[in-house]
Protein backbone atom coordinates (compact mmCIF):
# COMPACT_ATOMS: atom_id res chain seq x y z
CA UNK A 1 100.76 -7.50 178.12
CA UNK A 2 103.13 -5.74 180.55
CA UNK A 3 105.44 -5.10 177.62
CA UNK A 4 102.74 -3.54 175.65
CA UNK A 5 101.78 -1.28 178.54
CA UNK A 6 105.34 -0.17 178.84
CA UNK A 7 105.59 0.64 175.13
CA UNK A 8 102.40 2.55 175.05
CA UNK A 9 103.47 4.39 178.20
CA UNK A 10 106.85 5.32 176.61
CA UNK A 11 104.96 6.51 173.50
CA UNK A 12 102.67 8.73 175.52
CA UNK A 13 105.51 10.06 177.47
CA UNK A 14 107.45 10.91 174.24
CA UNK A 15 104.36 12.73 172.77
CA UNK A 16 103.99 14.67 176.01
CA UNK A 17 107.67 15.63 176.04
CA UNK A 18 107.43 16.67 172.35
CA UNK A 19 104.36 18.77 172.98
CA UNK A 20 106.01 20.38 176.01
CA UNK A 21 109.16 21.32 174.07
CA UNK A 22 107.04 22.68 171.24
CA UNK A 23 105.26 24.96 173.63
CA UNK A 24 108.53 25.98 175.07
CA UNK A 25 110.00 26.76 171.66
CA UNK A 26 106.80 28.65 170.64
CA UNK A 27 106.95 30.73 173.86
CA UNK A 28 110.63 31.41 173.28
CA UNK A 29 110.01 32.45 169.71
CA UNK A 30 107.18 34.80 170.81
CA UNK A 31 109.37 36.36 173.53
CA UNK A 32 112.37 36.66 171.15
CA UNK A 33 110.18 38.40 168.45
CA UNK A 34 108.57 40.74 171.01
CA UNK A 35 111.98 41.64 172.37
CA UNK A 36 113.40 42.46 168.96
CA UNK A 37 110.19 44.31 167.79
CA UNK A 38 110.29 46.49 170.83
CA UNK A 39 113.84 47.71 170.11
CA UNK A 40 113.16 48.11 166.43
CA UNK A 41 110.03 50.19 167.28
CA UNK A 42 112.19 52.20 169.74
CA UNK A 43 114.71 52.95 167.04
CA UNK A 44 112.04 53.97 164.61
CA UNK A 45 110.53 56.33 167.11
CA UNK A 46 113.86 58.10 167.82
CA UNK A 47 114.75 58.40 164.22
CA UNK A 48 112.63 59.36 161.24
CA UNK A 49 113.32 56.94 158.42
CA UNK A 50 110.69 58.39 156.15
CA UNK A 51 112.87 61.34 154.96
CA UNK A 52 116.36 61.61 153.59
CA UNK A 53 117.05 64.31 156.29
CA UNK A 54 115.94 61.95 159.04
CA UNK A 55 118.03 59.10 157.91
CA UNK A 56 121.15 61.21 157.50
CA UNK A 57 120.65 62.50 161.03
CA UNK A 58 121.13 59.08 162.57
CA UNK A 59 124.51 59.23 164.48
CA UNK A 60 127.05 56.45 163.96
CA UNK A 61 127.38 56.32 167.67
CA UNK A 62 123.99 54.45 167.62
CA UNK A 63 126.11 51.26 166.99
CA UNK A 64 127.94 51.89 170.28
CA UNK A 65 124.84 51.37 172.29
CA UNK A 66 125.45 47.57 171.77
CA UNK A 67 129.22 47.13 172.50
CA UNK A 68 128.54 43.45 173.26
CA UNK A 69 126.30 42.81 170.27
CA UNK A 70 123.14 42.79 172.36
CA UNK A 71 120.85 39.74 172.48
CA UNK A 72 120.26 39.72 168.80
CA UNK A 73 121.72 41.09 165.49
CA UNK A 74 118.05 41.74 164.31
CA UNK A 75 117.65 45.08 166.07
CA UNK A 76 121.11 46.38 165.32
CA UNK A 77 120.74 49.83 163.68
CA UNK A 78 122.53 48.80 160.53
CA UNK A 79 120.24 45.79 160.17
CA UNK A 80 117.11 47.82 160.64
CA UNK A 81 118.31 50.15 157.91
CA UNK A 82 119.07 47.30 155.57
CA UNK A 83 115.56 45.90 155.98
CA UNK A 84 114.03 49.27 155.51
CA UNK A 85 116.08 49.74 152.28
CA UNK A 86 114.65 46.52 151.03
CA UNK A 87 111.09 47.80 151.72
CA UNK A 88 111.74 51.00 149.99
CA UNK A 89 113.27 49.23 146.95
CA UNK A 90 110.07 47.09 146.67
CA UNK A 91 108.01 50.34 146.62
CA UNK A 92 110.38 52.01 144.06
CA UNK A 93 111.57 54.52 146.56
CA UNK A 94 115.24 54.37 145.54
CA UNK A 95 116.24 57.70 147.05
CA UNK A 96 115.18 56.60 150.52
CA UNK A 97 116.53 53.01 150.02
CA UNK A 98 119.93 54.37 149.00
CA UNK A 99 120.08 56.73 152.00
CA UNK A 100 119.36 53.76 154.31
CA UNK A 101 122.24 51.80 152.88
CA UNK A 102 124.67 54.74 152.94
CA UNK A 103 123.86 55.15 156.57
CA UNK A 104 124.29 51.42 157.25
CA UNK A 105 127.69 51.72 155.63
CA UNK A 106 128.61 54.54 158.01
CA UNK A 107 127.61 52.42 160.97
CA UNK A 108 129.30 49.15 159.95
CA UNK A 109 132.78 50.05 161.25
CA UNK A 110 131.46 50.83 164.73
CA UNK A 111 129.30 47.77 165.02
CA UNK A 112 130.09 44.85 167.24
CA UNK A 113 129.51 42.60 164.24
CA UNK A 114 132.01 42.21 161.36
CA UNK A 115 130.93 43.12 157.94
CA UNK A 116 132.48 42.03 154.56
CA UNK A 117 133.36 44.35 151.72
CA UNK A 118 130.45 43.03 149.76
CA UNK A 119 128.04 44.23 152.53
CA UNK A 120 129.20 47.74 151.74
CA UNK A 121 128.72 47.09 148.04
CA UNK A 122 124.98 46.65 148.38
CA UNK A 123 124.36 50.44 148.05
CA UNK A 124 126.26 50.44 144.76
CA UNK A 125 124.16 47.68 143.35
CA UNK A 126 121.06 49.58 144.40
CA UNK A 127 122.28 52.60 142.56
CA UNK A 128 122.72 50.59 139.54
CA UNK A 129 119.16 49.24 139.91
CA UNK A 130 118.02 52.91 140.01
CA UNK A 131 120.02 53.59 136.82
CA UNK A 132 122.32 55.98 138.69
CA UNK A 133 125.42 54.58 136.92
CA UNK A 134 127.76 57.58 137.51
CA UNK A 135 126.97 57.71 141.16
CA UNK A 136 127.38 53.91 141.43
CA UNK A 137 130.96 54.21 139.87
CA UNK A 138 131.89 57.04 142.21
CA UNK A 139 130.66 55.14 145.23
CA UNK A 140 132.32 51.95 144.26
CA UNK A 141 135.68 53.68 143.83
CA UNK A 142 135.27 55.52 147.23
CA UNK A 143 134.51 52.27 149.05
CA UNK A 144 137.48 50.57 147.47
CA UNK A 145 139.69 53.34 148.62
CA UNK A 146 138.23 53.15 152.22
CA UNK A 147 137.95 49.36 152.78
CA UNK A 148 139.79 47.79 149.93
CA UNK A 149 138.31 45.50 147.34
CA UNK A 150 136.44 42.27 147.88
CA UNK A 151 139.15 40.36 146.12
CA UNK A 152 141.86 41.72 148.30
CA UNK A 153 139.71 40.79 151.34
CA UNK A 154 139.55 37.19 150.10
CA UNK A 155 143.32 37.01 149.52
CA UNK A 156 143.92 38.08 153.23
CA UNK A 157 141.45 35.45 154.29
CA UNK A 158 143.32 32.88 152.19
CA UNK A 159 146.32 33.27 154.45
CA UNK A 160 144.32 31.72 157.19
CA UNK A 161 143.24 28.78 155.23
CA UNK A 162 145.05 25.45 155.68
CA UNK A 163 144.72 24.58 152.00
CA UNK A 164 145.46 27.78 150.16
CA UNK A 165 145.37 26.11 146.75
CA UNK A 166 141.77 24.77 147.36
CA UNK A 167 140.71 28.17 148.64
CA UNK A 168 142.04 29.78 145.55
CA UNK A 169 140.16 27.33 143.24
CA UNK A 170 136.85 27.21 145.21
CA UNK A 171 136.58 30.64 146.58
CA UNK A 172 138.68 33.22 144.96
CA UNK A 173 138.55 32.12 141.23
CA UNK A 174 134.63 31.86 141.25
CA UNK A 175 134.51 35.29 142.98
CA UNK A 176 136.76 36.76 140.27
CA UNK A 177 134.71 35.18 137.52
CA UNK A 178 131.34 36.45 138.95
CA UNK A 179 132.83 40.01 139.32
CA UNK A 180 133.98 39.90 135.69
CA UNK A 181 130.49 38.89 134.44
CA UNK A 182 128.87 41.37 136.84
CA UNK A 183 130.97 44.19 135.29
CA UNK A 184 129.83 43.07 131.81
CA UNK A 185 126.29 43.10 132.95
CA UNK A 186 126.52 46.57 134.40
CA UNK A 187 128.01 47.85 131.12
CA UNK A 188 125.12 46.31 129.24
CA UNK A 189 122.63 47.90 131.56
CA UNK A 190 124.09 51.30 130.98
CA UNK A 191 124.81 50.95 127.31
CA UNK A 192 122.46 48.31 125.78
CA UNK A 193 119.50 48.05 128.20
CA UNK A 194 117.14 46.96 125.39
CA UNK A 195 118.90 43.52 125.02
CA UNK A 196 119.94 42.84 128.55
CA UNK A 197 117.87 40.60 130.93
CA UNK A 198 116.28 41.97 134.07
CA UNK A 199 118.69 40.33 136.54
CA UNK A 200 122.26 39.52 136.85
CA UNK A 201 121.36 35.87 137.59
CA UNK A 202 119.50 35.85 134.28
CA UNK A 203 122.57 37.19 132.41
CA UNK A 204 124.83 34.56 133.89
CA UNK A 205 122.42 31.83 133.19
CA UNK A 206 122.01 32.80 129.51
CA UNK A 207 125.68 33.26 129.04
CA UNK A 208 126.46 29.81 130.50
CA UNK A 209 123.94 28.22 128.24
CA UNK A 210 124.81 30.32 125.27
CA UNK A 211 121.17 31.05 124.52
CA UNK A 212 119.89 32.73 121.34
CA UNK A 213 119.30 35.80 123.36
CA UNK A 214 122.74 35.79 124.56
CA UNK A 215 124.01 35.44 121.01
CA UNK A 216 121.97 38.59 120.21
CA UNK A 217 123.79 40.40 122.96
CA UNK A 218 127.13 39.32 121.58
CA UNK A 219 126.11 40.48 118.16
CA UNK A 220 124.76 43.86 119.39
CA UNK A 221 127.88 44.57 121.32
CA UNK A 222 130.13 43.40 118.42
CA UNK A 223 128.32 45.94 116.18
CA UNK A 224 129.48 48.63 118.49
CA UNK A 225 133.14 47.45 118.19
CA UNK A 226 133.34 45.66 121.57
CA UNK A 227 133.85 42.21 122.76
CA UNK A 228 131.48 41.04 125.62
CA UNK A 229 134.24 39.30 127.57
CA UNK A 230 136.31 42.46 127.61
CA UNK A 231 133.60 44.90 128.73
CA UNK A 232 134.44 47.10 131.71
CA UNK A 233 132.20 49.22 133.83
CA UNK A 234 134.28 50.68 136.60
CA UNK A 235 136.81 52.35 134.23
């Protein structure tokens, strides 16, 4: 009987401990969210994110308010702008979404946090979603000249890898293959939008499976004197 009492006692204590930890975690999460939301609200009160002029007026020095990264990346100005861009995109407000990402790109170099070349490229992809192809090409070229290409960035990181051959096979080659297919997809969006799927992921999937719809794309492109695998978008 004593053994059973001890077992039940331990079980009861364990449940109590679990409940206490759960309450502590819940309390921490509430405080964490409250802290972040207060700073996000403060940012939005100081800057008008509802107009192009207001977004452009945000100084890049805003990032320098958090030289140590603050207590959370969530309320960093560039992250606020990224989330706002997502909301504007959902609402079809591409002009405002693009301005948010342009401003985020301006702030990235001053941030405590490090951002990759692909982070900068998000604005280019949004321009393509908005069918602003010429602007996307210009911005892509400008970003390459300022920060280098994503491929170059990976080759630099490869030098820090212990197994450079594995890094080449598992990181760089898949990245190059994806970029090649992405460029094909962008060309199709600009020049043959009637046959192209709505998403890049959809295009990659149909190409990999060689579906009937993909064969129609190949046929359409071939009739125009091009080969799908050789399509280029950036020029």
